Amino acid sequence: MDVWAFGWIVSYLYSGFLPGTSKYANSEPVIQSCLITRNSLPIPDNIDNDTIREIIKKSTIVDYTKSSTMKDIRALIEKN
């Protein structure tokens, strides 16, 4: 499974927003900036579950050399 897509799906299911977006922000400039600078995408503010926030953070890392694998994500889920 594509880890990046998994993170986006989890973000949308838990918040109604994709990473890098919120009901207050125009998402396109935020996402473009993160992709160019290889920074992590912001996690929607309305997610208060720390495990879900960590899953989204680890699965939407822009720099592919630092990306998590599904094994990493599964270990995080099983740990919590």
Protein backbone atom coordinates (compact mmCIF):
# COMPACT_ATOMS: atom_id res chain seq x y z
CA MET A 1 0.00 0.00 0.00
CA ASP A 2 1.13 3.54 -0.70
CA VAL A 3 2.07 5.05 2.66
CA TRP A 4 1.56 8.62 1.42
CA ALA A 5 -2.00 7.87 0.27
CA PHE A 6 -2.72 6.04 3.53
CA GLY A 7 -1.78 9.15 5.52
CA TRP A 8 -4.04 11.35 3.41
CA ILE A 9 -6.95 8.93 3.78
CA VAL A 10 -6.52 8.69 7.58
CA SER A 11 -6.36 12.48 7.81
CA TYR A 12 -9.55 12.89 5.81
CA LEU A 13 -11.42 10.18 7.70
CA TYR A 14 -10.55 11.62 11.12
CA SER A 15 -10.86 15.32 10.36
CA GLY A 16 -12.66 15.90 7.08
CA PHE A 17 -9.52 17.67 5.84
CA LEU A 18 -6.40 16.56 4.00
CA PRO A 19 -2.92 17.21 5.43
CA GLY A 20 -1.87 20.78 4.75
CA THR A 21 -5.45 22.00 4.69
CA SER A 22 -7.99 23.35 7.09
CA LYS A 23 -11.24 25.20 6.92
CA TYR A 24 -9.24 28.39 7.47
CA ALA A 25 -6.36 27.97 5.01
CA ASN A 26 -6.02 27.94 1.26
CA SER A 27 -4.33 24.57 0.89
CA GLU A 28 -2.60 24.92 -2.47
CA PRO A 29 0.14 27.38 -1.37
CA VAL A 30 0.72 25.45 1.88
CA ILE A 31 1.11 22.13 0.08
CA GLN A 32 3.33 23.62 -2.65
CA SER A 33 5.59 25.24 -0.07
CA CYS A 34 5.96 21.98 1.87
CA LEU A 35 6.74 20.02 -1.27
CA ILE A 36 9.39 22.52 -2.40
CA THR A 37 11.07 22.78 1.02
CA ARG A 38 10.52 19.08 1.80
CA ASN A 39 8.91 19.98 5.12
CA SER A 40 6.17 17.88 6.64
CA LEU A 41 2.61 18.83 5.80
CA PRO A 42 0.64 20.42 8.64
CA ILE A 43 -1.84 18.11 10.33
CA PRO A 44 -5.42 19.40 10.56
CA ASP A 45 -6.04 21.13 13.90
CA ASN A 46 -9.21 19.25 14.75
CA ILE A 47 -7.45 15.88 15.23
CA ASP A 48 -6.85 15.47 18.96
CA ASN A 49 -5.82 11.81 19.03
CA ASP A 50 -2.01 11.68 19.40
CA THR A 51 -1.69 8.28 17.71
CA ILE A 52 -3.67 9.42 14.67
CA ARG A 53 -1.61 12.63 14.48
CA GLU A 54 1.60 10.57 14.58
CA ILE A 55 0.33 8.20 11.87
CA ILE A 56 -0.48 11.14 9.60
CA LYS A 57 2.84 12.84 10.37
CA LYS A 58 4.91 9.73 9.68
CA SER A 59 3.03 8.72 6.55
CA THR A 60 3.05 12.12 4.86
CA ILE A 61 6.76 12.92 5.12
CA VAL A 62 7.64 14.78 1.94
CA ASP A 63 11.29 13.72 1.79
CA TYR A 64 11.14 10.19 0.39
CA THR A 65 14.52 9.32 1.93
CA LYS A 66 12.96 9.77 5.38
CA SER A 67 9.53 8.25 4.66
CA SER A 68 8.00 5.59 6.81
CA THR A 69 6.99 2.19 5.55
CA MET A 70 3.71 0.44 6.20
CA LYS A 71 5.64 -1.79 8.63
CA ASP A 72 6.60 1.35 10.58
CA ILE A 73 2.99 2.54 10.59
CA ARG A 74 1.71 -0.87 11.64
CA ALA A 75 4.22 -0.98 14.52
CA LEU A 76 3.02 2.46 15.64
CA ILE A 77 -0.61 1.30 15.57
CA GLU A 78 0.16 -1.93 17.46
CA LYS A 79 2.19 -0.04 20.07
CA ASN A 80 -0.82 2.08 20.94
